[in-house]
């Protein structure tokens, strides 16, 4: 290249660099602006028009009446089998529970239907399993031949509009779940980690469904959601650009803060506070909307004895828990790990502050 050409290319390179930098900044700005507007406007979805009540359309026009609008309740299966939804937080033992149901006669257990990995699409994702899930095989096996479910699936169910009250509307979600219920060869069980804050909506749209709720010690669960080697030691301080998401914890909090401001990550010094508040709110939803609740610790200590009341209540396998499946799928008992992470006072201080904030917010 000539000296003149080199001299010319240097300004061009600098100009190109400035243009690319401007575009990058513009993208970040626009993304932030869109999110801010979403927080401002979408956050109003829970408000209802004052003084406005439903009334049926005028009969003279023959319009459809109540029951065919919004998310119409799903019809029951032709065999009369009631679907069972399992609701739980992430890293709470829900995969173990799914695996037990999978090995129970008369049930078709679907693994995490709302997972963004789209088990119905097949391929490597449907076969790959998490090494921490003991004896779990092929998450997507029950979805075989259902690739057409993609026409209703929305990957944003994992991160957006995580709270749905009884008045919310998502016809795609209702249709997707209804298709799984209808297509299950045997009584359907849907194990979900993304429905706990949507239980009011689920109860309205699927009034004939049963709901089983699983929960775990929040301190032990906190250690499990820290998937990276670095994690968040007790002295770590939460930052606005935190790179570790703690198994959806921060992503969920940023969505749910529109409804529950107390979970806003910017209001807390340590990520455990965000985790604890999500756990606590989820626990309240389970208490109010589930038919039966069981603790992970009880499941590990006495699998058959813990599950028997649920099997009897829901009429699963004539009330008999498959003891062989429980024994084969359980991990060896492990001592609690949280005392090695931090002292009890550290946890008590954060949990106490969270309880005060939650009590104020809920008007206790």
Foldseek 3Di string as FASTA:
>chain_A
DDPVVVVVVVVVVVVVVVVVVVVVVVVVVVVVVVLVVCLVPVLCVVDDDPPDDDDFDDPVVVDDGPQPDFQRAFDAAPVRFAAEEEEEAPPFCLLLVLLLQVPFPQEQEQEACQALVRLLCDDPVQADDDPVQFPDGRNSPQNDPVNVLVVLHDNCLLQACLADACPDGRNSVLVSVSVSCHPRPGHYYYYHNRCLNVLNNVCNRHVRHAYEYEYEDLLLSQVVLQPDPVRAALVQFDDPPDPRCSNVLQSNLSRCCSPVVLLHSVVDGGSSLNSLLVRVVSVVSCVVRHPYYFYSVVCLVPVQVRCQVVCCVSVGNVSGRPPVSSVNRHDDDDDRDSCVRDPPVSVCVSNVVSVVSVCVVVVD
